[in-house]
Amino acid sequence: MLCKGSGMKLVLTLILSLIVTGYGVRPAKAQEITVFVPKGPIVVDVMAGLNWMRCSIGQVWENGKCDGTPILVPFAVTETIIARTTSSMGDGWRLPTRDELQRLVVDQTNPPMINQDIFSETHPGIYWSADQNWLLPNNFWVVNFFTGHNYGRARRNQNFAVRLVQER
């Protein structure tokens, strides 16, 4: 039998563990409004003031949709991707924050959990965000478009998909 003090410690340890690992966090979308305006290979998120690449890195925009297979890369490669994108598409492209990436998640029956009319052929898996987990500084936050959840335990050497964003 647990005494009152040890039971409370157990509950607090469990809560802290869930916060640190970010296990299956899916923010509520209450009253969140998104308005997307497609402009060829870019889509404007009017409410957030962002330009999104409609295709994941590794795909190309052809005939009104994304063609090809997204590449999965470790975090260090994202710097090179951003530099190459900047040289071909202009300044300001970057990895999205966890909250920005989470704005793309939609609740639906089948993955990927993203609007396929806007973001066609999205990889039904994990995408890098720019946000480090402050409780686990070697880990980053990512969004999984198979589940719609975000996680704070991605390691730099893991390979995930990339979608870039730019301030308007």
N, C-alpha and C. Protein backbone atom coordinates (compact mmCIF):
# COMPACT_ATOMS: atom_id res chain seq x y z
N MET A 1 0.84 -1.18 0.00
CA MET A 1 0.00 0.00 0.00
C MET A 1 0.88 1.25 0.00
N LEU A 2 0.50 2.23 -0.80
CA LEU A 2 1.25 3.47 -0.89
C LEU A 2 0.78 4.46 0.17
N CYS A 3 1.72 5.15 0.76
CA CYS A 3 1.31 6.21 1.68
C CYS A 3 0.96 7.45 0.86
N LYS A 4 0.31 8.41 1.48
CA LYS A 4 -0.13 9.61 0.78
C LYS A 4 1.01 10.30 0.06
N GLY A 5 2.14 10.48 0.69
CA GLY A 5 3.28 11.18 0.10
C GLY A 5 3.83 10.48 -1.13
N SER A 6 3.99 9.15 -1.07
CA SER A 6 4.57 8.42 -2.20
C SER A 6 3.57 8.35 -3.36
N GLY A 7 2.30 8.30 -3.06
CA GLY A 7 1.28 8.29 -4.12
C GLY A 7 1.29 9.60 -4.90
N MET A 8 1.42 10.71 -4.18
CA MET A 8 1.48 12.03 -4.82
C MET A 8 2.74 12.14 -5.67
N LYS A 9 3.88 11.62 -5.13
CA LYS A 9 5.13 11.64 -5.89
C LYS A 9 4.99 10.86 -7.18
N LEU A 10 4.33 9.72 -7.12
CA LEU A 10 4.12 8.88 -8.30
C LEU A 10 3.30 9.62 -9.35
N VAL A 11 2.25 10.28 -8.94
CA VAL A 11 1.40 11.04 -9.86
C VAL A 11 2.19 12.19 -10.48
N LEU A 12 2.93 12.94 -9.65
CA LEU A 12 3.73 14.05 -10.17
C LEU A 12 4.82 13.57 -11.12
N THR A 13 5.45 12.44 -10.81
CA THR A 13 6.48 11.87 -11.69
C THR A 13 5.87 11.49 -13.03
N LEU A 14 4.70 10.88 -13.02
CA LEU A 14 4.02 10.49 -14.26
C LEU A 14 3.66 11.72 -15.09
N ILE A 15 3.15 12.75 -14.47
CA ILE A 15 2.79 13.98 -15.17
C ILE A 15 4.03 14.63 -15.77
N LEU A 16 5.10 14.73 -14.99
CA LEU A 16 6.34 15.31 -15.49
C LEU A 16 6.90 14.50 -16.66
N SER A 17 6.81 13.19 -16.56
CA SER A 17 7.28 12.32 -17.63
C SER A 17 6.51 12.58 -18.93
N LEU A 18 5.22 12.75 -18.84
CA LEU A 18 4.41 13.04 -20.03
C LEU A 18 4.74 14.41 -20.61
N ILE A 19 5.02 15.38 -19.75
CA ILE A 19 5.38 16.72 -20.22
C ILE A 19 6.74 16.68 -20.90
N VAL A 20 7.71 16.02 -20.30
CA VAL A 20 9.07 15.98 -20.83
C VAL A 20 9.09 15.28 -22.19
N THR A 21 8.42 14.16 -22.32
CA THR A 21 8.47 13.41 -23.58
C THR A 21 7.49 13.97 -24.59
N GLY A 22 6.52 14.75 -24.15
CA GLY A 22 5.54 15.30 -25.08
C GLY A 22 4.72 14.20 -25.72
N TYR A 23 4.45 13.15 -24.99
CA TYR A 23 3.81 11.98 -25.57
C TYR A 23 2.43 12.30 -26.13
N GLY A 24 2.30 12.20 -27.43
CA GLY A 24 1.01 12.31 -28.09
C GLY A 24 0.28 13.60 -27.86
N VAL A 25 0.96 14.69 -27.74
CA VAL A 25 0.30 15.96 -27.49
C VAL A 25 -0.43 16.41 -28.76
N ARG A 26 -1.70 16.71 -28.63
CA ARG A 26 -2.47 17.22 -29.75
C ARG A 26 -3.28 18.40 -29.25
N PRO A 27 -2.81 19.63 -29.53
CA PRO A 27 -3.49 20.80 -29.00
C PRO A 27 -4.94 20.88 -29.49
N ALA A 28 -5.77 21.42 -28.63
CA ALA A 28 -7.16 21.64 -29.02
C ALA A 28 -7.21 22.68 -30.12
N LYS A 29 -8.16 22.51 -31.03
CA LYS A 29 -8.28 23.45 -32.14
C LYS A 29 -9.54 24.31 -31.99
N ALA A 30 -9.95 24.52 -30.77
CA ALA A 30 -11.16 25.29 -30.53
C ALA A 30 -11.03 26.70 -31.09
N GLN A 31 -11.95 27.07 -31.92
CA GLN A 31 -12.06 28.42 -32.46
C GLN A 31 -10.88 28.85 -33.33
N GLU A 32 -10.00 27.92 -33.72
CA GLU A 32 -8.88 28.27 -34.57
C GLU A 32 -9.38 28.36 -36.01
N ILE A 33 -9.11 29.48 -36.62
CA ILE A 33 -9.57 29.69 -38.00
C ILE A 33 -8.36 29.68 -38.92
N THR A 34 -8.46 28.88 -39.97
CA THR A 34 -7.41 28.88 -40.99
C THR A 34 -8.05 29.20 -42.33
N VAL A 35 -7.41 30.09 -43.04
CA VAL A 35 -7.85 30.44 -44.39
C VAL A 35 -6.64 30.29 -45.29
N PHE A 36 -6.69 29.32 -46.18
CA PHE A 36 -5.59 29.07 -47.10
C PHE A 36 -5.95 29.55 -48.49
N VAL A 37 -5.04 30.30 -49.11
CA VAL A 37 -5.23 30.78 -50.47
C VAL A 37 -4.10 30.20 -51.32
N PRO A 38 -4.43 29.21 -52.17
CA PRO A 38 -3.40 28.60 -53.02
C PRO A 38 -2.92 29.55 -54.10
N LYS A 39 -1.61 29.57 -54.30
CA LYS A 39 -0.98 30.37 -55.36
C LYS A 39 0.10 29.51 -55.99
N GLY A 40 -0.30 28.55 -56.82
CA GLY A 40 0.65 27.64 -57.44
C GLY A 40 1.34 26.80 -56.40
N PRO A 41 2.68 26.79 -56.38
CA PRO A 41 3.42 25.93 -55.44
C PRO A 41 3.45 26.45 -54.00
N ILE A 42 2.85 27.62 -53.78
CA ILE A 42 2.79 28.24 -52.45
C ILE A 42 1.33 28.35 -52.04
N VAL A 43 1.08 28.28 -50.74
CA VAL A 43 -0.25 28.56 -50.22
C VAL A 43 -0.09 29.59 -49.11
N VAL A 44 -0.97 30.57 -49.13
CA VAL A 44 -0.93 31.64 -48.13
C VAL A 44 -1.87 31.27 -46.98
N ASP A 45 -1.34 31.26 -45.77
CA ASP A 45 -2.14 31.11 -44.56
C ASP A 45 -2.47 32.53 -44.12
N VAL A 46 -3.64 32.99 -44.51
CA VAL A 46 -4.02 34.38 -44.32
C VAL A 46 -4.06 34.77 -42.85
N MET A 47 -4.60 33.92 -42.01
CA MET A 47 -4.77 34.26 -40.61
C MET A 47 -3.44 34.30 -39.85
N ALA A 48 -2.48 33.47 -40.25
CA ALA A 48 -1.18 33.44 -39.56
C ALA A 48 -0.14 34.33 -40.25
N GLY A 49 -0.45 34.82 -41.45
CA GLY A 49 0.50 35.66 -42.17
C GLY A 49 1.72 34.88 -42.66
N LEU A 50 1.48 33.67 -43.17
CA LEU A 50 2.57 32.80 -43.61
C LEU A 50 2.39 32.34 -45.04
N ASN A 51 3.50 32.12 -45.72
CA ASN A 51 3.53 31.42 -47.01
C ASN A 51 4.05 30.02 -46.73
N TRP A 52 3.33 29.01 -47.16
CA TRP A 52 3.74 27.63 -47.00
C TRP A 52 4.13 27.04 -48.35
N MET A 53 5.15 26.22 -48.38
CA MET A 53 5.41 25.39 -49.55
C MET A 53 4.33 24.32 -49.56
N ARG A 54 3.69 24.16 -50.71
CA ARG A 54 2.65 23.14 -50.78
C ARG A 54 3.23 21.74 -50.82
N CYS A 55 4.43 21.60 -51.34
CA CYS A 55 5.08 20.30 -51.43
C CYS A 55 6.13 20.15 -50.34
N SER A 56 6.34 18.93 -49.94
CA SER A 56 7.42 18.61 -49.02
C SER A 56 8.74 18.67 -49.79
N ILE A 57 9.83 18.87 -49.08
CA ILE A 57 11.14 18.88 -49.72
C ILE A 57 11.37 17.50 -50.35
N GLY A 58 11.80 17.52 -51.61
CA GLY A 58 11.99 16.29 -52.38
C GLY A 58 10.93 16.13 -53.45
N GLN A 59 9.83 16.86 -53.32
CA GLN A 59 8.77 16.84 -54.31
C GLN A 59 8.84 18.10 -55.17
N VAL A 60 8.18 18.06 -56.32
CA VAL A 60 8.06 19.23 -57.19
C VAL A 60 6.59 19.48 -57.49
N TRP A 61 6.27 20.75 -57.73
CA TRP A 61 4.91 21.15 -58.07
C TRP A 61 4.74 21.02 -59.58
N GLU A 62 3.89 20.11 -60.03
CA GLU A 62 3.62 19.89 -61.45
C GLU A 62 2.15 19.58 -61.67
N ASN A 63 1.59 20.21 -62.68
CA ASN A 63 0.20 19.95 -63.06
C ASN A 63 -0.77 20.07 -61.89
N GLY A 64 -0.57 21.08 -61.05
CA GLY A 64 -1.50 21.35 -59.97
C GLY A 64 -1.41 20.44 -58.78
N LYS A 65 -0.30 19.69 -58.65
CA LYS A 65 -0.14 18.82 -57.48
C LYS A 65 1.34 18.56 -57.23
N CYS A 66 1.61 18.00 -56.06
CA CYS A 66 2.99 17.64 -55.71
C CYS A 66 3.31 16.29 -56.31
N ASP A 67 4.48 16.23 -56.94
CA ASP A 67 4.90 15.00 -57.59
C ASP A 67 6.23 14.55 -56.99
N GLY A 68 6.41 13.26 -56.84
CA GLY A 68 7.65 12.72 -56.29
C GLY A 68 7.48 12.28 -54.86
N THR A 69 8.60 11.91 -54.28
CA THR A 69 8.61 11.38 -52.93
C THR A 69 9.36 12.33 -52.00
N PRO A 70 8.75 12.69 -50.88
CA PRO A 70 9.46 13.54 -49.92
C PRO A 70 10.72 12.83 -49.41
N ILE A 71 11.78 13.60 -49.21
CA ILE A 71 12.98 13.02 -48.63
C ILE A 71 12.92 13.15 -47.12
N LEU A 72 13.48 12.18 -46.45
CA LEU A 72 13.55 12.18 -44.99
C LEU A 72 15.00 12.43 -44.62
N VAL A 73 15.23 13.46 -43.80
CA VAL A 73 16.60 13.89 -43.50
C VAL A 73 16.80 14.12 -42.01
N PRO A 74 18.07 14.04 -41.55
CA PRO A 74 18.36 14.41 -40.16
C PRO A 74 18.29 15.93 -40.02
N PHE A 75 18.19 16.40 -38.80
CA PHE A 75 18.00 17.82 -38.55
C PHE A 75 19.10 18.69 -39.17
N ALA A 76 20.35 18.25 -39.11
CA ALA A 76 21.47 19.05 -39.62
C ALA A 76 21.32 19.38 -41.10
N VAL A 77 20.68 18.53 -41.86
CA VAL A 77 20.51 18.75 -43.30
C VAL A 77 19.50 19.87 -43.58
N THR A 78 18.64 20.18 -42.62
CA THR A 78 17.64 21.23 -42.85
C THR A 78 18.29 22.59 -43.12
N GLU A 79 19.47 22.85 -42.54
CA GLU A 79 20.17 24.11 -42.80
C GLU A 79 20.56 24.23 -44.27
N THR A 80 21.05 23.16 -44.85
CA THR A 80 21.41 23.14 -46.27
C THR A 80 20.17 23.31 -47.14
N ILE A 81 19.09 22.66 -46.77
CA ILE A 81 17.83 22.77 -47.51
C ILE A 81 17.36 24.22 -47.52
N ILE A 82 17.41 24.87 -46.37
CA ILE A 82 16.97 26.26 -46.27
C ILE A 82 17.87 27.16 -47.10
N ALA A 83 19.17 26.94 -47.08
CA ALA A 83 20.11 27.76 -47.87
C ALA A 83 19.83 27.60 -49.37
N ARG A 84 19.60 26.39 -49.82
CA ARG A 84 19.31 26.16 -51.24
C ARG A 84 17.97 26.76 -51.64
N THR A 85 16.99 26.65 -50.75
CA THR A 85 15.68 27.23 -51.04
C THR A 85 15.78 28.74 -51.12
N THR A 86 16.53 29.35 -50.23
CA THR A 86 16.74 30.80 -50.24
C THR A 86 17.39 31.25 -51.54
N SER A 87 18.37 30.50 -52.02
CA SER A 87 19.05 30.90 -53.26
C SER A 87 18.15 30.77 -54.48
N SER A 88 17.17 29.89 -54.45
CA SER A 88 16.29 29.72 -55.61
C SER A 88 14.93 30.41 -55.48
N MET A 89 14.46 30.63 -54.24
CA MET A 89 13.11 31.17 -54.05
C MET A 89 13.07 32.46 -53.24
N GLY A 90 14.22 32.99 -52.85
CA GLY A 90 14.24 34.24 -52.09
C GLY A 90 14.42 34.01 -50.60
N ASP A 91 14.59 35.11 -49.90
CA ASP A 91 14.89 35.08 -48.46
C ASP A 91 13.67 34.72 -47.61
N GLY A 92 13.96 34.32 -46.39
CA GLY A 92 12.92 34.16 -45.38
C GLY A 92 12.40 32.76 -45.19
N TRP A 93 12.80 31.78 -45.99
CA TRP A 93 12.31 30.41 -45.81
C TRP A 93 12.99 29.80 -44.59
N ARG A 94 12.19 29.05 -43.82
CA ARG A 94 12.68 28.47 -42.57
C ARG A 94 11.83 27.27 -42.19
N LEU A 95 12.30 26.54 -41.18
CA LEU A 95 11.46 25.49 -40.61
C LEU A 95 10.34 26.14 -39.82
N PRO A 96 9.15 25.57 -39.86
CA PRO A 96 8.06 26.14 -39.06
C PRO A 96 8.24 25.80 -37.59
N THR A 97 7.60 26.58 -36.75
CA THR A 97 7.54 26.25 -35.33
C THR A 97 6.56 25.08 -35.17
N ARG A 98 6.57 24.49 -34.01
CA ARG A 98 5.62 23.40 -33.74
C ARG A 98 4.19 23.89 -33.90
N ASP A 99 3.88 25.06 -33.34
CA ASP A 99 2.51 25.59 -33.43
C ASP A 99 2.11 25.88 -34.87
N GLU A 100 3.04 26.43 -35.66
CA GLU A 100 2.73 26.71 -37.07
C GLU A 100 2.45 25.41 -37.81
N LEU A 101 3.28 24.41 -37.62
CA LEU A 101 3.08 23.13 -38.29
C LEU A 101 1.79 22.46 -37.83
N GLN A 102 1.49 22.60 -36.56
CA GLN A 102 0.27 22.00 -36.01
C GLN A 102 -0.99 22.64 -36.62
N ARG A 103 -0.89 23.89 -37.10
CA ARG A 103 -2.03 24.55 -37.75
C ARG A 103 -2.49 23.80 -39.00
N LEU A 104 -1.59 23.03 -39.60
CA LEU A 104 -1.91 22.30 -40.82
C LEU A 104 -2.68 21.01 -40.57
N VAL A 105 -2.67 20.55 -39.31
CA VAL A 105 -3.34 19.29 -38.97
C VAL A 105 -4.86 19.46 -39.04
N VAL A 106 -5.51 18.52 -39.69
CA VAL A 106 -6.97 18.47 -39.71
C VAL A 106 -7.43 17.12 -39.19
N ASP A 107 -8.56 17.12 -38.48
CA ASP A 107 -9.13 15.87 -37.99
C ASP A 107 -9.93 15.24 -39.12
N GLN A 108 -9.52 14.04 -39.50
CA GLN A 108 -10.25 13.30 -40.52
C GLN A 108 -10.07 11.82 -40.26
N THR A 109 -10.80 11.01 -40.99
CA THR A 109 -10.79 9.57 -40.76
C THR A 109 -9.48 8.91 -41.13
N ASN A 110 -8.94 9.26 -42.30
CA ASN A 110 -7.74 8.59 -42.80
C ASN A 110 -6.55 9.54 -42.91
N PRO A 111 -5.36 9.02 -42.57
CA PRO A 111 -4.15 9.84 -42.73
C PRO A 111 -3.80 10.02 -44.20
N PRO A 112 -3.01 11.02 -44.51
CA PRO A 112 -2.41 11.96 -43.59
C PRO A 112 -3.42 12.99 -43.09
N MET A 113 -3.20 13.47 -41.90
CA MET A 113 -4.10 14.41 -41.23
C MET A 113 -3.79 15.85 -41.67
N ILE A 114 -4.00 16.09 -42.96
CA ILE A 114 -3.75 17.39 -43.56
C ILE A 114 -4.68 17.52 -44.76
N ASN A 115 -5.03 18.74 -45.13
CA ASN A 115 -5.92 18.96 -46.27
C ASN A 115 -5.18 18.61 -47.56
N GLN A 116 -5.52 17.47 -48.14
CA GLN A 116 -4.84 16.99 -49.34
C GLN A 116 -5.18 17.82 -50.58
N ASP A 117 -6.25 18.60 -50.54
CA ASP A 117 -6.54 19.51 -51.66
C ASP A 117 -5.53 20.66 -51.69
N ILE A 118 -5.07 21.07 -50.53
CA ILE A 118 -4.09 22.15 -50.43
C ILE A 118 -2.67 21.60 -50.46
N PHE A 119 -2.41 20.56 -49.68
CA PHE A 119 -1.07 19.98 -49.55
C PHE A 119 -1.09 18.54 -50.06
N SER A 120 -1.12 18.39 -51.38
CA SER A 120 -1.26 17.06 -51.98
C SER A 120 -0.03 16.19 -51.73
N GLU A 121 -0.27 14.91 -51.66
CA GLU A 121 0.80 13.91 -51.54
C GLU A 121 1.72 14.15 -50.34
N THR A 122 1.14 14.66 -49.25
CA THR A 122 1.93 14.86 -48.03
C THR A 122 2.33 13.51 -47.43
N HIS A 123 3.57 13.43 -47.03
CA HIS A 123 4.08 12.22 -46.37
C HIS A 123 3.26 11.97 -45.10
N PRO A 124 2.68 10.78 -44.96
CA PRO A 124 1.88 10.49 -43.76
C PRO A 124 2.78 10.07 -42.59
N GLY A 125 3.64 10.98 -42.20
CA GLY A 125 4.57 10.67 -41.12
C GLY A 125 5.02 11.94 -40.43
N ILE A 126 6.26 11.93 -39.97
CA ILE A 126 6.77 12.97 -39.09
C ILE A 126 7.51 14.05 -39.86
N TYR A 127 7.27 15.32 -39.45
CA TYR A 127 7.90 16.51 -40.02
C TYR A 127 8.64 17.28 -38.94
N TRP A 128 9.83 17.76 -39.29
CA TRP A 128 10.63 18.58 -38.37
C TRP A 128 9.97 19.92 -38.09
N SER A 129 10.11 20.39 -36.86
CA SER A 129 9.81 21.78 -36.52
C SER A 129 11.13 22.41 -36.08
N ALA A 130 11.15 23.71 -35.93
CA ALA A 130 12.35 24.42 -35.49
C ALA A 130 12.48 24.44 -33.98
N ASP A 131 11.48 23.97 -33.27
CA ASP A 131 11.43 24.11 -31.81
C ASP A 131 12.14 22.97 -31.08
N GLN A 132 13.09 23.36 -30.21
CA GLN A 132 13.72 22.40 -29.32
C GLN A 132 12.83 22.22 -28.10
N ASN A 133 12.89 21.04 -27.52
CA ASN A 133 12.18 20.76 -26.28
C ASN A 133 13.03 21.32 -25.13
N TRP A 134 12.55 22.34 -24.46
CA TRP A 134 13.35 23.01 -23.43
C TRP A 134 13.64 22.10 -22.25
N LEU A 135 12.83 21.07 -22.02
CA LEU A 135 13.11 20.13 -20.93
C LEU A 135 14.10 19.05 -21.34
N LEU A 136 14.19 18.79 -22.64
CA LEU A 136 15.15 17.83 -23.19
C LEU A 136 15.89 18.53 -24.32
N PRO A 137 16.90 19.33 -24.01
CA PRO A 137 17.53 20.21 -24.99
C PRO A 137 18.15 19.52 -26.21
N ASN A 138 18.38 18.21 -26.14
CA ASN A 138 18.88 17.50 -27.32
C ASN A 138 17.76 17.02 -28.23
N ASN A 139 16.53 17.29 -27.85
CA ASN A 139 15.37 16.81 -28.60
C ASN A 139 14.60 17.97 -29.22
N PHE A 140 13.92 17.67 -30.32
CA PHE A 140 13.11 18.67 -31.02
C PHE A 140 11.65 18.23 -31.05
N TRP A 141 10.79 19.22 -31.24
CA TRP A 141 9.38 18.95 -31.44
C TRP A 141 9.15 18.63 -32.91
N VAL A 142 8.32 17.66 -33.16
CA VAL A 142 7.94 17.25 -34.51
C VAL A 142 6.43 17.07 -34.55
N VAL A 143 5.87 17.09 -35.76
CA VAL A 143 4.43 16.83 -35.94
C VAL A 143 4.30 15.61 -36.83
N ASN A 144 3.48 14.67 -36.39
CA ASN A 144 3.24 13.43 -37.12
C ASN A 144 1.91 13.56 -37.86
N PHE A 145 1.96 13.61 -39.19
CA PHE A 145 0.74 13.76 -39.97
C PHE A 145 0.00 12.44 -40.17
N PHE A 146 0.54 11.34 -39.65
CA PHE A 146 -0.23 10.10 -39.64
C PHE A 146 -1.25 10.15 -38.51
N THR A 147 -0.82 10.67 -37.36
CA THR A 147 -1.70 10.71 -36.19
C THR A 147 -2.28 12.09 -35.92
N GLY A 148 -1.59 13.15 -36.39
CA GLY A 148 -1.99 14.51 -36.06
C GLY A 148 -1.41 15.00 -34.75
N HIS A 149 -0.62 14.19 -34.09
CA HIS A 149 -0.02 14.55 -32.80
C HIS A 149 1.36 15.17 -33.00
N ASN A 150 1.83 15.85 -31.96
CA ASN A 150 3.21 16.34 -31.97
C ASN A 150 3.94 15.73 -30.79
N TYR A 151 5.25 15.61 -30.95
CA TYR A 151 6.08 14.94 -29.97
C TYR A 151 7.33 15.76 -29.70
N GLY A 152 7.81 15.76 -28.47
CA GLY A 152 8.98 16.54 -28.11
C GLY A 152 10.21 15.71 -27.84
N ARG A 153 10.34 14.58 -28.51
CA ARG A 153 11.48 13.72 -28.22
C ARG A 153 12.24 13.27 -29.48
N ALA A 154 12.16 14.04 -30.55
CA ALA A 154 12.90 13.71 -31.77
C ALA A 154 14.37 14.05 -31.61
N ARG A 155 15.24 13.13 -31.98
CA ARG A 155 16.69 13.33 -31.88
C ARG A 155 17.21 13.86 -33.21
N ARG A 156 18.26 14.66 -33.16
CA ARG A 156 18.85 15.29 -34.35
C ARG A 156 19.22 14.31 -35.46
N ASN A 157 19.57 13.09 -35.10
CA ASN A 157 20.03 12.13 -36.09
C ASN A 157 18.91 11.32 -36.73
N GLN A 158 17.68 11.52 -36.29
CA GLN A 158 16.56 10.81 -36.90
C GLN A 158 16.19 11.48 -38.23
N ASN A 159 15.61 10.72 -39.13
CA ASN A 159 15.25 11.22 -40.46
C ASN A 159 13.75 11.48 -40.54
N PHE A 160 13.40 12.76 -40.81
CA PHE A 160 12.01 13.15 -40.94
C PHE A 160 11.83 14.05 -42.15
N ALA A 161 10.59 14.26 -42.54
CA ALA A 161 10.26 15.10 -43.69
C ALA A 161 10.36 16.58 -43.32
N VAL A 162 10.41 17.42 -44.38
CA VAL A 162 10.55 18.87 -44.19
C VAL A 162 9.55 19.60 -45.08
N ARG A 163 8.87 20.57 -44.49
CA ARG A 163 8.04 21.53 -45.24
C ARG A 163 8.43 22.90 -44.72
N LEU A 164 8.76 23.82 -45.62
CA LEU A 164 9.23 25.13 -45.21
C LEU A 164 8.12 26.17 -45.23
N VAL A 165 8.34 27.23 -44.47
CA VAL A 165 7.38 28.33 -44.32
C VAL A 165 8.15 29.64 -44.41
N GLN A 166 7.41 30.72 -44.71
CA GLN A 166 8.01 32.04 -44.86
C GLN A 166 7.00 33.06 -44.34
N GLU A 167 7.51 34.07 -43.62
CA GLU A 167 6.64 35.17 -43.16
C GLU A 167 6.15 35.94 -44.39
N ARG A 168 4.93 36.46 -44.32
CA ARG A 168 4.38 37.27 -45.44
C ARG A 168 4.86 38.69 -45.32
